[in-house]
Amino acid sequence: MNSRAVRRHILLRLDAPLMAFGAPIVDQHGVTGDVPLPSMIAGLLANGLGYRRTNFGLLQRLQDRLVLAARWDRPGERFRDFQTAELNAADRGWTTRGRSEGRAGGAGTYAGKHIRHRWHQADALVTVALRLDPEAEEPTLDDLAAALTSPARPLFIGRKPCLPAAPLFADFAEAETVLDAVANAPLVEGAPVETRVRIFWPDGEGEKSPSTRLHIQGRRDWRSGVHGGTEVWHESDMILPAGTSP
C-alpha cells in the first residue's frame, strides 16, 4: 500500500449573505455552481495579494499551482437577483481593459431595457481546503494567509456585491490529500453536532465511496479571459461526527 506525504494546507471559510460560484452563462442567466472553482479562488487570492488583472503570468501561475476541495457546511438557499438597466447611446461603460467603451447601433437598439438574472447562494457556509504545488515557490501558503488576513483590496466571493461576513482565513491543516484536509476541518462554532454535508474534490486527491464523477471547467486562460478544458472531480457526502465542532 502506497503512503502519501503529509502536506500543509490552508482552510478558508466562505461565509457571506450572498455568494456566487462560476458556471456557464446562458443568455441573460448567470447561474451559480456547486464548486468554488480554481479560477475564482485564484482571483480571490490574487486580489488579496494585490495583483492587477493585467498580471497574466502571475495569475496563471497561481491558478496552476492550486489544489483545492470544498465542503458545504451550510447549504443556504438559491437566490435570483433580477436586474434591469436602461442604456442610451451616449452612455459609456468601463471594460476589463481599463478604458471606457462607447456604444453603437441604431435608435431601435436602445428601445428596451437590458435585463438579466444573476443567481446566488444565500446564507451559505463553505469550507475550502487548498494547497500550492510546488509548495516552496512564491507566493507561499504563509503569503496567502497574510493576504487574506490583511488584503491589498476588499475581497468578495464570486461577485463584487458578495462581501464576506467573517474572516476568510481559518487555519492551517496537515493532511495527505486535500480531501482529507477538507473532510477533517472543524466546523465553525454553533454548527450542528451531527451534520450530513456535501464535499467536492479533484481526481487523484483521495477516494470516498460512493461518489459521483463530475467534469468541471474550472480553470481560466487569464490572458484571453476564457475557461477551457475539463477536470475530473468527485462529489459525495459525509456525516460529520460528534466532537468535530470546536
C-alpha atoms as a PDB file:
ATOM      1  CA  MET A   1       0.000   0.000   0.000  1.00  0.00           C
ATOM      2  CA  ASN A   2       1.469   3.342  -1.061  1.00  0.00           C
ATOM      3  CA  SER A   3       1.632   6.067   1.571  1.00  0.00           C
ATOM      4  CA  ARG A   4       1.420   9.768   0.778  1.00  0.00           C
ATOM      5  CA  ALA A   5       3.443  12.529   2.341  1.00  0.00           C
ATOM      6  CA  VAL A   6       1.637  14.775   4.794  1.00  0.00           C
ATOM      7  CA  ARG A   7       1.334  18.237   3.280  1.00  0.00           C
ATOM      8  CA  ARG A   8       0.359  21.658   4.531  1.00  0.00           C
ATOM      9  CA  HIS A   9      -2.983  23.184   3.540  1.00  0.00           C
ATOM     10  CA  ILE A  10      -4.941  26.355   4.223  1.00  0.00           C
ATOM     11  CA  LEU A  11      -8.562  26.288   5.391  1.00  0.00           C
ATOM     12  CA  LEU A  12     -10.879  29.051   4.170  1.00  0.00           C
ATOM     13  CA  ARG A  13     -14.395  29.816   5.414  1.00  0.00           C
ATOM     14  CA  LEU A  14     -16.594  31.226   2.659  1.00  0.00           C
ATOM     15  CA  ASP A  15     -19.353  32.804   4.718  1.00  0.00           C
ATOM     16  CA  ALA A  16     -21.494  35.581   3.257  1.00  0.00           C
ATOM     17  CA  PRO A  17     -25.112  36.720   2.943  1.00  0.00           C
ATOM     18  CA  LEU A  18     -24.700  36.106  -0.799  1.00  0.00           C
ATOM     19  CA  MET A  19     -22.009  34.267  -2.742  1.00  0.00           C
ATOM     20  CA  ALA A  20     -21.706  33.013  -6.308  1.00  0.00           C
ATOM     21  CA  PHE A  21     -19.527  30.303  -7.820  1.00  0.00           C
ATOM     22  CA  GLY A  22     -18.760  30.242 -11.518  1.00  0.00           C
ATOM     23  CA  ALA A  23     -20.851  28.327 -14.043  1.00  0.00           C
ATOM     24  CA  PRO A  24     -21.615  28.762 -17.769  1.00  0.00           C
ATOM     25  CA  ILE A  25     -23.800  31.798 -18.521  1.00  0.00           C
ATOM     26  CA  VAL A  26     -26.765  31.072 -20.779  1.00  0.00           C
ATOM     27  CA  ASP A  27     -28.212  34.179 -22.477  1.00  0.00           C
ATOM     28  CA  GLN A  28     -29.096  36.613 -19.669  1.00  0.00           C
ATOM     29  CA  HIS A  29     -28.966  33.964 -16.932  1.00  0.00           C
ATOM     30  CA  GLY A  30     -25.831  33.979 -14.789  1.00  0.00           C
ATOM     31  CA  VAL A  31     -26.173  30.856 -12.680  1.00  0.00           C
ATOM     32  CA  THR A  32     -24.086  29.765  -9.702  1.00  0.00           C
ATOM     33  CA  GLY A  33     -22.430  26.367  -9.463  1.00  0.00           C
ATOM     34  CA  ASP A  34     -21.742  23.970  -6.596  1.00  0.00           C
ATOM     35  CA  VAL A  35     -17.944  24.162  -6.678  1.00  0.00           C
ATOM     36  CA  PRO A  36     -15.778  27.189  -5.837  1.00  0.00           C
ATOM     37  CA  LEU A  37     -13.682  26.860  -8.980  1.00  0.00           C
ATOM     38  CA  PRO A  38      -9.897  27.201  -9.032  1.00  0.00           C
ATOM     39  CA  SER A  39     -10.252  30.305 -11.222  1.00  0.00           C
ATOM     40  CA  MET A  40     -12.498  32.007  -8.639  1.00  0.00           C
ATOM     41  CA  ILE A  41     -10.252  31.097  -5.718  1.00  0.00           C
ATOM     42  CA  ALA A  42      -7.191  32.222  -7.706  1.00  0.00           C
ATOM     43  CA  GLY A  43      -8.865  35.575  -8.362  1.00  0.00           C
ATOM     44  CA  LEU A  44      -9.807  35.928  -4.697  1.00  0.00           C
ATOM     45  CA  LEU A  45      -6.254  35.210  -3.564  1.00  0.00           C
ATOM     46  CA  ALA A  46      -4.756  37.440  -6.253  1.00  0.00           C
ATOM     47  CA  ASN A  47      -6.958  40.319  -5.125  1.00  0.00           C
ATOM     48  CA  GLY A  48      -5.682  39.884  -1.580  1.00  0.00           C
ATOM     49  CA  LEU A  49      -2.096  39.777  -2.836  1.00  0.00           C
ATOM     50  CA  GLY A  50      -2.601  42.991  -4.802  1.00  0.00           C
ATOM     51  CA  TYR A  51      -2.198  41.518  -8.292  1.00  0.00           C
ATOM     52  CA  ARG A  52      -3.647  43.507 -11.166  1.00  0.00           C
ATOM     53  CA  ARG A  53      -5.851  41.904 -13.795  1.00  0.00           C
ATOM     54  CA  THR A  54      -3.088  42.553 -16.338  1.00  0.00           C
ATOM     55  CA  ASN A  55      -0.588  40.412 -14.389  1.00  0.00           C
ATOM     56  CA  PHE A  56      -1.438  37.460 -16.615  1.00  0.00           C
ATOM     57  CA  GLY A  57       1.649  35.419 -15.810  1.00  0.00           C
ATOM     58  CA  LEU A  58       1.258  35.783 -12.034  1.00  0.00           C
ATOM     59  CA  LEU A  59      -2.453  34.934 -12.184  1.00  0.00           C
ATOM     60  CA  GLN A  60      -1.890  31.921 -14.422  1.00  0.00           C
ATOM     61  CA  ARG A  61       0.894  30.523 -12.265  1.00  0.00           C
ATOM     62  CA  LEU A  62      -1.096  30.984  -9.051  1.00  0.00           C
ATOM     63  CA  GLN A  63      -4.084  29.178 -10.553  1.00  0.00           C
ATOM     64  CA  ASP A  64      -1.917  26.381 -11.982  1.00  0.00           C
ATOM     65  CA  ARG A  65      -0.447  25.662  -8.550  1.00  0.00           C
ATOM     66  CA  LEU A  66      -3.813  25.500  -6.764  1.00  0.00           C
ATOM     67  CA  VAL A  67      -5.181  22.191  -5.479  1.00  0.00           C
ATOM     68  CA  LEU A  68      -8.455  22.593  -3.598  1.00  0.00           C
ATOM     69  CA  ALA A  69     -11.557  20.867  -2.290  1.00  0.00           C
ATOM     70  CA  ALA A  70     -14.804  22.158  -0.775  1.00  0.00           C
ATOM     71  CA  ARG A  71     -17.297  21.147   1.897  1.00  0.00           C
ATOM     72  CA  TRP A  72     -20.771  22.669   2.205  1.00  0.00           C
ATOM     73  CA  ASP A  73     -21.257  23.162   5.947  1.00  0.00           C
ATOM     74  CA  ARG A  74     -24.464  25.153   5.477  1.00  0.00           C
ATOM     75  CA  PRO A  75     -26.202  24.890   2.095  1.00  0.00           C
ATOM     76  CA  GLY A  76     -28.316  28.042   2.322  1.00  0.00           C
ATOM     77  CA  GLU A  77     -30.781  28.735  -0.489  1.00  0.00           C
ATOM     78  CA  ARG A  78     -30.531  29.642  -4.162  1.00  0.00           C
ATOM     79  CA  PHE A  79     -31.474  33.271  -4.703  1.00  0.00           C
ATOM     80  CA  ARG A  80     -32.172  35.018  -8.000  1.00  0.00           C
ATOM     81  CA  ASP A  81     -31.300  38.685  -8.394  1.00  0.00           C
ATOM     82  CA  PHE A  82     -33.403  40.264 -11.162  1.00  0.00           C
ATOM     83  CA  GLN A  83     -31.519  43.202 -12.696  1.00  0.00           C
ATOM     84  CA  THR A  84     -32.580  45.811 -15.236  1.00  0.00           C
ATOM     85  CA  ALA A  85     -30.722  48.738 -16.781  1.00  0.00           C
ATOM     86  CA  GLU A  86     -31.810  51.216 -19.440  1.00  0.00           C
ATOM     87  CA  LEU A  87     -28.875  52.229 -21.620  1.00  0.00           C
ATOM     88  CA  ASN A  88     -28.724  55.124 -24.048  1.00  0.00           C
ATOM     89  CA  ALA A  89     -26.417  55.707 -26.985  1.00  0.00           C
ATOM     90  CA  ALA A  90     -24.486  58.347 -25.046  1.00  0.00           C
ATOM     91  CA  ASP A  91     -23.838  56.077 -22.053  1.00  0.00           C
ATOM     92  CA  ARG A  92     -20.354  54.736 -21.689  1.00  0.00           C
ATOM     93  CA  GLY A  93     -19.083  51.816 -19.638  1.00  0.00           C
ATOM     94  CA  TRP A  94     -15.779  50.670 -18.209  1.00  0.00           C
ATOM     95  CA  THR A  95     -14.260  47.487 -19.501  1.00  0.00           C
ATOM     96  CA  THR A  96     -11.802  44.944 -18.125  1.00  0.00           C
ATOM     97  CA  ARG A  97      -9.197  46.611 -20.338  1.00  0.00           C
ATOM     98  CA  GLY A  98      -9.244  49.695 -18.098  1.00  0.00           C
ATOM     99  CA  ARG A  99     -10.753  52.170 -20.536  1.00  0.00           C
ATOM    100  CA  SER A 100     -14.275  53.360 -21.274  1.00  0.00           C
ATOM    101  CA  GLU A 101     -16.209  51.948 -24.195  1.00  0.00           C
ATOM    102  CA  GLY A 102     -18.819  53.715 -26.295  1.00  0.00           C
ATOM    103  CA  ARG A 103     -21.973  52.286 -27.858  1.00  0.00           C
ATOM    104  CA  ALA A 104     -23.172  51.902 -31.422  1.00  0.00           C
ATOM    105  CA  GLY A 105     -26.312  50.837 -33.265  1.00  0.00           C
ATOM    106  CA  GLY A 106     -29.492  52.489 -34.473  1.00  0.00           C
ATOM    107  CA  ALA A 107     -32.246  54.049 -32.389  1.00  0.00           C
ATOM    108  CA  GLY A 108     -34.026  50.700 -32.011  1.00  0.00           C
ATOM    109  CA  THR A 109     -31.005  49.277 -30.202  1.00  0.00           C
ATOM    110  CA  TYR A 110     -31.928  51.287 -27.089  1.00  0.00           C
ATOM    111  CA  ALA A 111     -35.698  50.868 -27.199  1.00  0.00           C
ATOM    112  CA  GLY A 112     -35.853  48.345 -24.350  1.00  0.00           C
ATOM    113  CA  LYS A 113     -34.278  47.723 -21.020  1.00  0.00           C
ATOM    114  CA  HIS A 114     -31.292  45.444 -20.534  1.00  0.00           C
ATOM    115  CA  ILE A 115     -32.498  42.519 -18.392  1.00  0.00           C
ATOM    116  CA  ARG A 116     -30.512  39.824 -16.702  1.00  0.00           C
ATOM    117  CA  HIS A 117     -30.830  37.273 -13.924  1.00  0.00           C
ATOM    118  CA  ARG A 118     -27.958  36.630 -11.526  1.00  0.00           C
ATOM    119  CA  TRP A 119     -28.189  33.618  -9.242  1.00  0.00           C
ATOM    120  CA  HIS A 120     -26.530  33.492  -5.833  1.00  0.00           C
ATOM    121  CA  GLN A 121     -26.343  31.195  -2.836  1.00  0.00           C
ATOM    122  CA  ALA A 122     -27.880  32.962   0.152  1.00  0.00           C
ATOM    123  CA  ASP A 123     -26.752  32.353   3.751  1.00  0.00           C
ATOM    124  CA  ALA A 124     -24.367  29.540   2.842  1.00  0.00           C
ATOM    125  CA  LEU A 125     -21.154  28.488   4.524  1.00  0.00           C
ATOM    126  CA  VAL A 126     -18.486  26.600   2.583  1.00  0.00           C
ATOM    127  CA  THR A 127     -15.161  25.344   3.904  1.00  0.00           C
ATOM    128  CA  VAL A 128     -12.347  25.215   1.338  1.00  0.00           C
ATOM    129  CA  ALA A 129      -9.046  23.410   1.824  1.00  0.00           C
ATOM    130  CA  LEU A 130      -6.229  24.322  -0.552  1.00  0.00           C
ATOM    131  CA  ARG A 131      -2.529  23.892  -1.058  1.00  0.00           C
ATOM    132  CA  LEU A 132       0.045  25.061  -3.575  1.00  0.00           C
ATOM    133  CA  ASP A 133       2.146  22.699  -5.704  1.00  0.00           C
ATOM    134  CA  PRO A 134       5.074  23.223  -5.594  1.00  0.00           C
ATOM    135  CA  GLU A 135       4.904  24.439  -2.006  1.00  0.00           C
ATOM    136  CA  ALA A 136       8.171  26.386  -1.732  1.00  0.00           C
ATOM    137  CA  GLU A 137       7.560  28.701  -4.702  1.00  0.00           C
ATOM    138  CA  GLU A 138       6.308  32.235  -4.050  1.00  0.00           C
ATOM    139  CA  PRO A 139       3.686  33.135  -3.119  1.00  0.00           C
ATOM    140  CA  THR A 140       3.709  30.602  -0.291  1.00  0.00           C
ATOM    141  CA  LEU A 141       0.827  29.480   1.884  1.00  0.00           C
ATOM    142  CA  ASP A 142       2.044  31.928   4.531  1.00  0.00           C
ATOM    143  CA  ASP A 143       1.851  34.713   1.941  1.00  0.00           C
ATOM    144  CA  LEU A 144      -1.731  33.713   1.131  1.00  0.00           C
ATOM    145  CA  ALA A 145      -2.720  33.614   4.795  1.00  0.00           C
ATOM    146  CA  ALA A 146      -1.272  37.086   5.308  1.00  0.00           C
ATOM    147  CA  ALA A 147      -3.034  38.405   2.185  1.00  0.00           C
ATOM    148  CA  LEU A 148      -6.376  37.021   3.339  1.00  0.00           C
ATOM    149  CA  THR A 149      -5.908  38.457   6.835  1.00  0.00           C
ATOM    150  CA  SER A 150      -4.824  41.895   5.607  1.00  0.00           C
ATOM    151  CA  PRO A 151      -5.771  42.081   1.904  1.00  0.00           C
ATOM    152  CA  ALA A 152      -4.443  44.678  -0.506  1.00  0.00           C
ATOM    153  CA  ARG A 153      -8.001  45.293  -1.727  1.00  0.00           C
ATOM    154  CA  PRO A 154     -11.509  44.421  -0.477  1.00  0.00           C
ATOM    155  CA  LEU A 155     -12.334  40.757  -1.093  1.00  0.00           C
ATOM    156  CA  PHE A 156     -15.536  39.300  -2.486  1.00  0.00           C
ATOM    157  CA  ILE A 157     -16.802  35.771  -3.099  1.00  0.00           C
ATOM    158  CA  GLY A 158     -17.608  35.362  -6.777  1.00  0.00           C
ATOM    159  CA  ARG A 159     -19.253  38.730  -7.500  1.00  0.00           C
ATOM    160  CA  LYS A 160     -18.396  42.175  -6.213  1.00  0.00           C
ATOM    161  CA  PRO A 161     -21.577  42.556  -4.075  1.00  0.00           C
ATOM    162  CA  CYS A 162     -20.773  39.241  -2.310  1.00  0.00           C
ATOM    163  CA  LEU A 163     -18.789  40.527   0.660  1.00  0.00           C
ATOM    164  CA  PRO A 164     -17.618  38.085   3.350  1.00  0.00           C
ATOM    165  CA  ALA A 165     -19.426  38.126   6.696  1.00  0.00           C
ATOM    166  CA  ALA A 166     -16.382  36.762   8.553  1.00  0.00           C
ATOM    167  CA  PRO A 167     -12.605  36.449   8.070  1.00  0.00           C
ATOM    168  CA  LEU A 168     -11.799  34.117   5.179  1.00  0.00           C
ATOM    169  CA  PHE A 169      -8.620  32.591   6.599  1.00  0.00           C
ATOM    170  CA  ALA A 170      -9.497  29.950   9.191  1.00  0.00           C
ATOM    171  CA  ASP A 171      -6.348  27.935   9.892  1.00  0.00           C
ATOM    172  CA  PHE A 172      -3.609  25.718   8.528  1.00  0.00           C
ATOM    173  CA  ALA A 173      -4.101  21.948   8.291  1.00  0.00           C
ATOM    174  CA  GLU A 174      -1.781  18.998   7.790  1.00  0.00           C
ATOM    175  CA  ALA A 175      -3.134  16.198   5.596  1.00  0.00           C
ATOM    176  CA  GLU A 176      -2.050  13.695   2.962  1.00  0.00           C
ATOM    177  CA  THR A 177      -4.703  14.852   0.463  1.00  0.00           C
ATOM    178  CA  VAL A 178      -6.876  17.896   0.021  1.00  0.00           C
ATOM    179  CA  LEU A 179      -9.910  15.629   0.538  1.00  0.00           C
ATOM    180  CA  ASP A 180      -8.583  14.646   3.965  1.00  0.00           C
ATOM    181  CA  ALA A 181      -7.892  18.295   4.785  1.00  0.00           C
ATOM    182  CA  VAL A 182     -11.420  19.459   3.990  1.00  0.00           C
ATOM    183  CA  ALA A 183     -13.173  16.383   5.427  1.00  0.00           C
ATOM    184  CA  ASN A 184     -11.395  16.767   8.779  1.00  0.00           C
ATOM    185  CA  ALA A 185     -11.679  20.547   9.010  1.00  0.00           C
ATOM    186  CA  PRO A 186     -13.506  21.587  12.207  1.00  0.00           C
ATOM    187  CA  LEU A 187     -16.935  23.111  11.983  1.00  0.00           C
ATOM    188  CA  VAL A 188     -17.430  26.715  12.968  1.00  0.00           C
ATOM    189  CA  GLU A 189     -18.759  27.317  16.453  1.00  0.00           C
ATOM    190  CA  GLY A 190     -22.517  26.839  16.716  1.00  0.00           C
ATOM    191  CA  ALA A 191     -22.775  24.321  13.868  1.00  0.00           C
ATOM    192  CA  PRO A 192     -24.930  21.214  14.489  1.00  0.00           C
ATOM    193  CA  VAL A 193     -23.188  18.379  16.320  1.00  0.00           C
ATOM    194  CA  GLU A 194     -24.011  15.915  13.562  1.00  0.00           C
ATOM    195  CA  THR A 195     -24.482  17.124  10.014  1.00  0.00           C
ATOM    196  CA  ARG A 196     -24.662  15.478   6.605  1.00  0.00           C
ATOM    197  CA  VAL A 197     -22.678  17.645   4.233  1.00  0.00           C
ATOM    198  CA  ARG A 198     -21.652  17.567   0.563  1.00  0.00           C
ATOM    199  CA  ILE A 199     -17.982  17.522  -0.377  1.00  0.00           C
ATOM    200  CA  PHE A 200     -16.236  18.085  -3.718  1.00  0.00           C
ATOM    201  CA  TRP A 201     -12.631  17.217  -4.557  1.00  0.00           C
ATOM    202  CA  PRO A 202     -10.434  16.748  -7.664  1.00  0.00           C
ATOM    203  CA  ASP A 203      -9.458  13.372  -9.051  1.00  0.00           C
ATOM    204  CA  GLY A 204      -6.325  11.885  -7.536  1.00  0.00           C
ATOM    205  CA  GLU A 205      -6.796  13.607  -4.179  1.00  0.00           C
ATOM    206  CA  GLY A 206      -8.275  10.762  -2.171  1.00  0.00           C
ATOM    207  CA  GLU A 207     -11.179   8.359  -2.504  1.00  0.00           C
ATOM    208  CA  LYS A 208     -14.597   8.119  -0.939  1.00  0.00           C
ATOM    209  CA  SER A 209     -17.350   5.696  -1.840  1.00  0.00           C
ATOM    210  CA  PRO A 210     -19.956   6.140  -3.089  1.00  0.00           C
ATOM    211  CA  SER A 211     -19.210   9.239  -5.124  1.00  0.00           C
ATOM    212  CA  THR A 212     -20.393  10.915  -8.327  1.00  0.00           C
ATOM    213  CA  ARG A 213     -17.897  11.689 -11.071  1.00  0.00           C
ATOM    214  CA  LEU A 214     -18.046  15.273 -12.384  1.00  0.00           C
ATOM    215  CA  HIS A 215     -16.430  17.119 -15.286  1.00  0.00           C
ATOM    216  CA  ILE A 216     -15.552  20.666 -14.241  1.00  0.00           C
ATOM    217  CA  GLN A 217     -14.414  23.583 -16.410  1.00  0.00           C
ATOM    218  CA  GLY A 218     -12.690  25.326 -13.568  1.00  0.00           C
ATOM    219  CA  ARG A 219      -9.532  26.900 -14.935  1.00  0.00           C
ATOM    220  CA  ARG A 220      -9.177  30.092 -16.900  1.00  0.00           C
ATOM    221  CA  ASP A 221      -6.768  31.329 -19.511  1.00  0.00           C
ATOM    222  CA  TRP A 222      -6.109  34.671 -17.830  1.00  0.00           C
ATOM    223  CA  ARG A 223      -4.837  36.397 -20.944  1.00  0.00           C
ATOM    224  CA  SER A 224      -7.877  35.566 -23.097  1.00  0.00           C
ATOM    225  CA  GLY A 225     -10.349  35.505 -20.187  1.00  0.00           C
ATOM    226  CA  VAL A 226     -11.828  32.206 -21.406  1.00  0.00           C
ATOM    227  CA  HIS A 227     -12.289  28.970 -19.473  1.00  0.00           C
ATOM    228  CA  GLY A 228     -11.277  25.817 -21.316  1.00  0.00           C
ATOM    229  CA  GLY A 229     -10.654  22.139 -20.816  1.00  0.00           C
ATOM    230  CA  THR A 230     -12.191  19.934 -18.163  1.00  0.00           C
ATOM    231  CA  GLU A 231     -11.034  18.359 -14.928  1.00  0.00           C
ATOM    232  CA  VAL A 232     -12.444  15.259 -13.277  1.00  0.00           C
ATOM    233  CA  TRP A 233     -13.856  15.952  -9.834  1.00  0.00           C
ATOM    234  CA  HIS A 234     -15.882  13.854  -7.402  1.00  0.00           C
ATOM    235  CA  GLU A 235     -18.918  14.639  -5.271  1.00  0.00           C
ATOM    236  CA  SER A 236     -20.004  12.745  -2.192  1.00  0.00           C
ATOM    237  CA  ASP A 237     -21.493  13.359   1.225  1.00  0.00           C
ATOM    238  CA  MET A 238     -20.404  12.585   4.725  1.00  0.00           C
ATOM    239  CA  ILE A 239     -21.640  12.728   8.279  1.00  0.00           C
ATOM    240  CA  LEU A 240     -19.547  14.945  10.482  1.00  0.00           C
ATOM    241  CA  PRO A 241     -19.206  13.103  13.792  1.00  0.00           C
ATOM    242  CA  ALA A 242     -19.828  14.498  17.240  1.00  0.00           C
ATOM    243  CA  GLY A 243     -16.860  16.441  18.508  1.00  0.00           C
ATOM    244  CA  THR A 244     -15.991  17.974  15.129  1.00  0.00           C
ATOM    245  CA  SER A 245     -17.263  21.358  16.277  1.00  0.00           C
ATOM    246  CA  PRO A 246     -14.629  23.320  18.261  1.00  0.00           C
END
